[in-house]
Amino acid sequence: MNVTLLFISGPEIIVIMLIVVMLFGADKIPEIARGLGKGIRQVKDATNDIKREIKDSSEKHGLDTDVTKDIHKEINAVKDNIDDFTGPIKRQL
């Protein structure tokens, strides 16, 4: 099975893993992985907090964040107008 990850083949991944083990030691790798996981989680939580603050702020100031509902209403109105306009034409055919 050929593993390709960002143009890195299987043997290259093994060499990188060996270098990491030699540099940090087998005991430190789980700690490094935990630290990376915590860092990624903190970034994810921060982005979710920012999204929530933007949403709350826009609702507080009365801004309509649900634009898709307005677009659907307009599309349905246009469809109804077209149906009203083409109804007599369709009946004649």
N, C-alpha and C. Protein backbone atom coordinates (compact mmCIF):
# COMPACT_ATOMS: atom_id res chain seq x y z
N MET A 1 0.85 -1.17 0.00
CA MET A 1 0.00 0.00 0.00
C MET A 1 0.90 1.24 0.00
N ASN A 2 0.66 2.13 -0.93
CA ASN A 2 1.46 3.34 -1.06
C ASN A 2 0.75 4.50 -0.38
N VAL A 3 1.36 5.05 0.65
CA VAL A 3 0.77 6.17 1.39
C VAL A 3 1.39 7.45 0.89
N THR A 4 0.56 8.38 0.40
CA THR A 4 1.06 9.66 -0.06
C THR A 4 0.36 10.75 0.74
N LEU A 5 1.15 11.52 1.47
CA LEU A 5 0.61 12.61 2.27
C LEU A 5 1.46 13.84 1.99
N LEU A 6 0.92 14.76 1.27
CA LEU A 6 1.65 15.96 0.91
C LEU A 6 2.97 15.62 0.21
N PHE A 7 2.89 14.71 -0.74
CA PHE A 7 4.02 14.28 -1.55
C PHE A 7 5.11 13.62 -0.70
N ILE A 8 4.73 13.00 0.41
CA ILE A 8 5.67 12.27 1.26
C ILE A 8 5.29 10.80 1.18
N SER A 9 6.25 9.95 0.86
CA SER A 9 5.96 8.52 0.75
C SER A 9 6.11 7.83 2.11
N GLY A 10 5.79 6.56 2.15
CA GLY A 10 5.84 5.77 3.38
C GLY A 10 7.19 5.76 4.05
N PRO A 11 8.27 5.45 3.31
CA PRO A 11 9.60 5.44 3.94
C PRO A 11 10.00 6.81 4.51
N GLU A 12 9.63 7.87 3.84
CA GLU A 12 9.96 9.21 4.34
C GLU A 12 9.24 9.51 5.65
N ILE A 13 8.01 9.04 5.75
CA ILE A 13 7.25 9.22 7.00
C ILE A 13 7.93 8.46 8.13
N ILE A 14 8.40 7.25 7.85
CA ILE A 14 9.08 6.45 8.87
C ILE A 14 10.35 7.16 9.33
N VAL A 15 11.11 7.72 8.40
CA VAL A 15 12.34 8.44 8.77
C VAL A 15 12.00 9.64 9.65
N ILE A 16 10.96 10.37 9.29
CA ILE A 16 10.54 11.53 10.10
C ILE A 16 10.13 11.09 11.49
N MET A 17 9.38 9.98 11.58
CA MET A 17 8.97 9.47 12.89
C MET A 17 10.19 9.07 13.73
N LEU A 18 11.19 8.43 13.11
CA LEU A 18 12.40 8.05 13.84
C LEU A 18 13.15 9.28 14.35
N ILE A 19 13.23 10.31 13.54
CA ILE A 19 13.90 11.55 13.96
C ILE A 19 13.16 12.18 15.14
N VAL A 20 11.83 12.19 15.08
CA VAL A 20 11.04 12.75 16.19
C VAL A 20 11.28 11.96 17.46
N VAL A 21 11.29 10.64 17.36
CA VAL A 21 11.54 9.80 18.54
C VAL A 21 12.94 10.05 19.09
N MET A 22 13.93 10.19 18.21
CA MET A 22 15.31 10.42 18.66
C MET A 22 15.45 11.80 19.32
N LEU A 23 14.77 12.81 18.78
CA LEU A 23 14.89 14.16 19.33
C LEU A 23 14.18 14.31 20.67
N PHE A 24 12.97 13.81 20.75
CA PHE A 24 12.15 14.06 21.94
C PHE A 24 12.06 12.86 22.87
N GLY A 25 12.33 11.69 22.40
CA GLY A 25 12.21 10.50 23.21
C GLY A 25 10.79 9.98 23.21
N ALA A 26 10.66 8.69 23.40
CA ALA A 26 9.34 8.06 23.34
C ALA A 26 8.43 8.54 24.46
N ASP A 27 9.01 8.96 25.59
CA ASP A 27 8.21 9.40 26.73
C ASP A 27 7.56 10.76 26.48
N LYS A 28 8.19 11.61 25.70
CA LYS A 28 7.70 12.97 25.49
C LYS A 28 6.66 13.08 24.37
N ILE A 29 6.59 12.10 23.49
CA ILE A 29 5.68 12.19 22.34
C ILE A 29 4.21 12.30 22.77
N PRO A 30 3.73 11.50 23.75
CA PRO A 30 2.33 11.68 24.18
C PRO A 30 2.07 13.07 24.78
N GLU A 31 3.06 13.61 25.49
CA GLU A 31 2.89 14.96 26.05
C GLU A 31 2.80 16.00 24.94
N ILE A 32 3.63 15.84 23.93
CA ILE A 32 3.60 16.77 22.79
C ILE A 32 2.25 16.68 22.07
N ALA A 33 1.77 15.44 21.89
CA ALA A 33 0.48 15.25 21.22
C ALA A 33 -0.65 15.87 22.04
N ARG A 34 -0.61 15.71 23.36
CA ARG A 34 -1.63 16.33 24.22
C ARG A 34 -1.57 17.85 24.11
N GLY A 35 -0.37 18.38 24.12
CA GLY A 35 -0.22 19.84 24.00
C GLY A 35 -0.75 20.36 22.68
N LEU A 36 -0.46 19.63 21.60
CA LEU A 36 -1.00 20.03 20.30
C LEU A 36 -2.52 19.94 20.29
N GLY A 37 -3.05 18.88 20.88
CA GLY A 37 -4.51 18.73 20.94
C GLY A 37 -5.16 19.85 21.72
N LYS A 38 -4.56 20.21 22.86
CA LYS A 38 -5.11 21.31 23.66
C LYS A 38 -5.04 22.63 22.90
N GLY A 39 -3.93 22.84 22.18
CA GLY A 39 -3.79 24.07 21.40
C GLY A 39 -4.84 24.16 20.30
N ILE A 40 -5.06 23.06 19.61
CA ILE A 40 -6.07 23.04 18.55
C ILE A 40 -7.45 23.28 19.14
N ARG A 41 -7.72 22.68 20.30
CA ARG A 41 -9.02 22.85 20.96
C ARG A 41 -9.23 24.31 21.37
N GLN A 42 -8.19 24.96 21.89
CA GLN A 42 -8.29 26.36 22.29
C GLN A 42 -8.58 27.25 21.10
N VAL A 43 -7.92 26.98 19.97
CA VAL A 43 -8.18 27.77 18.76
C VAL A 43 -9.62 27.56 18.29
N LYS A 44 -10.09 26.33 18.33
CA LYS A 44 -11.46 26.02 17.92
C LYS A 44 -12.47 26.72 18.84
N ASP A 45 -12.23 26.67 20.15
CA ASP A 45 -13.12 27.34 21.10
C ASP A 45 -13.12 28.85 20.88
N ALA A 46 -11.95 29.41 20.61
CA ALA A 46 -11.86 30.86 20.38
C ALA A 46 -12.64 31.26 19.13
N THR A 47 -12.53 30.48 18.07
CA THR A 47 -13.29 30.82 16.86
C THR A 47 -14.78 30.69 17.09
N ASN A 48 -15.19 29.68 17.85
CA ASN A 48 -16.62 29.54 18.17
C ASN A 48 -17.10 30.71 19.03
N ASP A 49 -16.29 31.16 19.97
CA ASP A 49 -16.65 32.32 20.79
C ASP A 49 -16.80 33.57 19.94
N ILE A 50 -15.89 33.76 18.99
CA ILE A 50 -15.97 34.94 18.13
C ILE A 50 -17.23 34.88 17.28
N LYS A 51 -17.54 33.70 16.72
CA LYS A 51 -18.76 33.55 15.92
C LYS A 51 -20.00 33.86 16.76
N ARG A 52 -20.02 33.35 18.00
CA ARG A 52 -21.16 33.57 18.87
C ARG A 52 -21.30 35.05 19.22
N GLU A 53 -20.18 35.74 19.48
CA GLU A 53 -20.22 37.16 19.80
C GLU A 53 -20.73 37.98 18.63
N ILE A 54 -20.29 37.63 17.43
CA ILE A 54 -20.76 38.34 16.24
C ILE A 54 -22.26 38.14 16.07
N LYS A 55 -22.73 36.90 16.24
CA LYS A 55 -24.15 36.61 16.10
C LYS A 55 -24.96 37.34 17.16
N ASP A 56 -24.50 37.30 18.41
CA ASP A 56 -25.22 37.98 19.49
C ASP A 56 -25.24 39.49 19.27
N SER A 57 -24.14 40.03 18.83
CA SER A 57 -24.06 41.48 18.59
C SER A 57 -24.99 41.89 17.47
N SER A 58 -25.04 41.10 16.40
CA SER A 58 -25.91 41.45 15.28
C SER A 58 -27.38 41.34 15.68
N GLU A 59 -27.72 40.35 16.51
CA GLU A 59 -29.11 40.22 16.97
C GLU A 59 -29.46 41.35 17.93
N LYS A 60 -28.51 41.76 18.74
CA LYS A 60 -28.74 42.83 19.70
C LYS A 60 -29.03 44.15 18.99
N HIS A 61 -28.33 44.39 17.89
CA HIS A 61 -28.50 45.64 17.16
C HIS A 61 -29.57 45.55 16.09
N GLY A 62 -30.28 44.43 16.04
CA GLY A 62 -31.39 44.30 15.12
C GLY A 62 -30.99 43.99 13.68
N LEU A 63 -29.80 43.51 13.47
CA LEU A 63 -29.38 43.16 12.12
C LEU A 63 -29.92 41.78 11.78
N ASP A 64 -30.39 41.64 10.54
CA ASP A 64 -30.95 40.36 10.09
C ASP A 64 -29.83 39.50 9.53
N THR A 65 -29.47 38.46 10.27
CA THR A 65 -28.40 37.58 9.81
C THR A 65 -28.93 36.44 8.95
N ASP A 66 -30.23 36.25 8.92
CA ASP A 66 -30.79 35.15 8.16
C ASP A 66 -31.23 35.65 6.79
N VAL A 67 -30.26 35.88 5.94
CA VAL A 67 -30.51 36.43 4.61
C VAL A 67 -31.16 35.39 3.71
N THR A 68 -30.90 34.13 3.97
CA THR A 68 -31.43 33.08 3.09
C THR A 68 -32.95 33.05 3.10
N LYS A 69 -33.57 33.35 4.24
CA LYS A 69 -35.04 33.38 4.28
C LYS A 69 -35.57 34.46 3.36
N ASP A 70 -34.93 35.62 3.38
CA ASP A 70 -35.36 36.71 2.50
C ASP A 70 -35.19 36.32 1.03
N ILE A 71 -34.09 35.66 0.72
CA ILE A 71 -33.85 35.24 -0.66
C ILE A 71 -34.89 34.23 -1.10
N HIS A 72 -35.21 33.27 -0.23
CA HIS A 72 -36.23 32.27 -0.57
C HIS A 72 -37.59 32.92 -0.78
N LYS A 73 -37.93 33.91 0.05
CA LYS A 73 -39.20 34.61 -0.13
C LYS A 73 -39.26 35.30 -1.48
N GLU A 74 -38.17 35.96 -1.85
CA GLU A 74 -38.13 36.66 -3.14
C GLU A 74 -38.22 35.67 -4.30
N ILE A 75 -37.53 34.56 -4.20
CA ILE A 75 -37.58 33.55 -5.27
C ILE A 75 -38.99 33.00 -5.41
N ASN A 76 -39.63 32.70 -4.29
CA ASN A 76 -41.00 32.19 -4.34
C ASN A 76 -41.96 33.22 -4.91
N ALA A 77 -41.75 34.49 -4.58
CA ALA A 77 -42.60 35.54 -5.14
C ALA A 77 -42.43 35.63 -6.65
N VAL A 78 -41.21 35.53 -7.13
CA VAL A 78 -40.96 35.56 -8.58
C VAL A 78 -41.58 34.34 -9.25
N LYS A 79 -41.46 33.17 -8.61
CA LYS A 79 -42.08 31.97 -9.17
C LYS A 79 -43.59 32.13 -9.28
N ASP A 80 -44.21 32.68 -8.22
CA ASP A 80 -45.65 32.89 -8.24
C ASP A 80 -46.04 33.85 -9.35
N ASN A 81 -45.27 34.92 -9.52
CA ASN A 81 -45.56 35.88 -10.59
C ASN A 81 -45.43 35.24 -11.96
N ILE A 82 -44.42 34.41 -12.14
CA ILE A 82 -44.25 33.72 -13.42
C ILE A 82 -45.40 32.76 -13.66
N ASP A 83 -45.80 32.02 -12.62
CA ASP A 83 -46.93 31.11 -12.76
C ASP A 83 -48.21 31.86 -13.10
N ASP A 84 -48.42 33.02 -12.47
CA ASP A 84 -49.61 33.82 -12.78
C ASP A 84 -49.57 34.31 -14.22
N PHE A 85 -48.40 34.68 -14.68
CA PHE A 85 -48.25 35.21 -16.03
C PHE A 85 -48.37 34.12 -17.09
N THR A 86 -47.77 32.95 -16.82
CA THR A 86 -47.76 31.88 -17.82
C THR A 86 -48.95 30.95 -17.70
N GLY A 87 -49.76 31.07 -16.65
CA GLY A 87 -50.92 30.20 -16.47
C GLY A 87 -51.86 30.20 -17.67
N PRO A 88 -52.32 31.37 -18.13
CA PRO A 88 -53.23 31.40 -19.30
C PRO A 88 -52.55 30.86 -20.55
N ILE A 89 -51.26 31.06 -20.69
CA ILE A 89 -50.55 30.58 -21.86
C ILE A 89 -50.48 29.07 -21.85
N LYS A 90 -50.23 28.48 -20.68
CA LYS A 90 -50.15 27.03 -20.58
C LYS A 90 -51.51 26.40 -20.86
N ARG A 91 -52.58 27.03 -20.42
CA ARG A 91 -53.92 26.49 -20.63
C ARG A 91 -54.31 26.48 -22.12
N GLN A 92 -53.83 27.47 -22.86
CA GLN A 92 -54.16 27.55 -24.27
C GLN A 92 -53.45 26.47 -25.07
N LEU A 93 -52.30 26.02 -24.60
CA LEU A 93 -51.55 24.99 -25.33
C LEU A 93 -52.16 23.66 -25.03
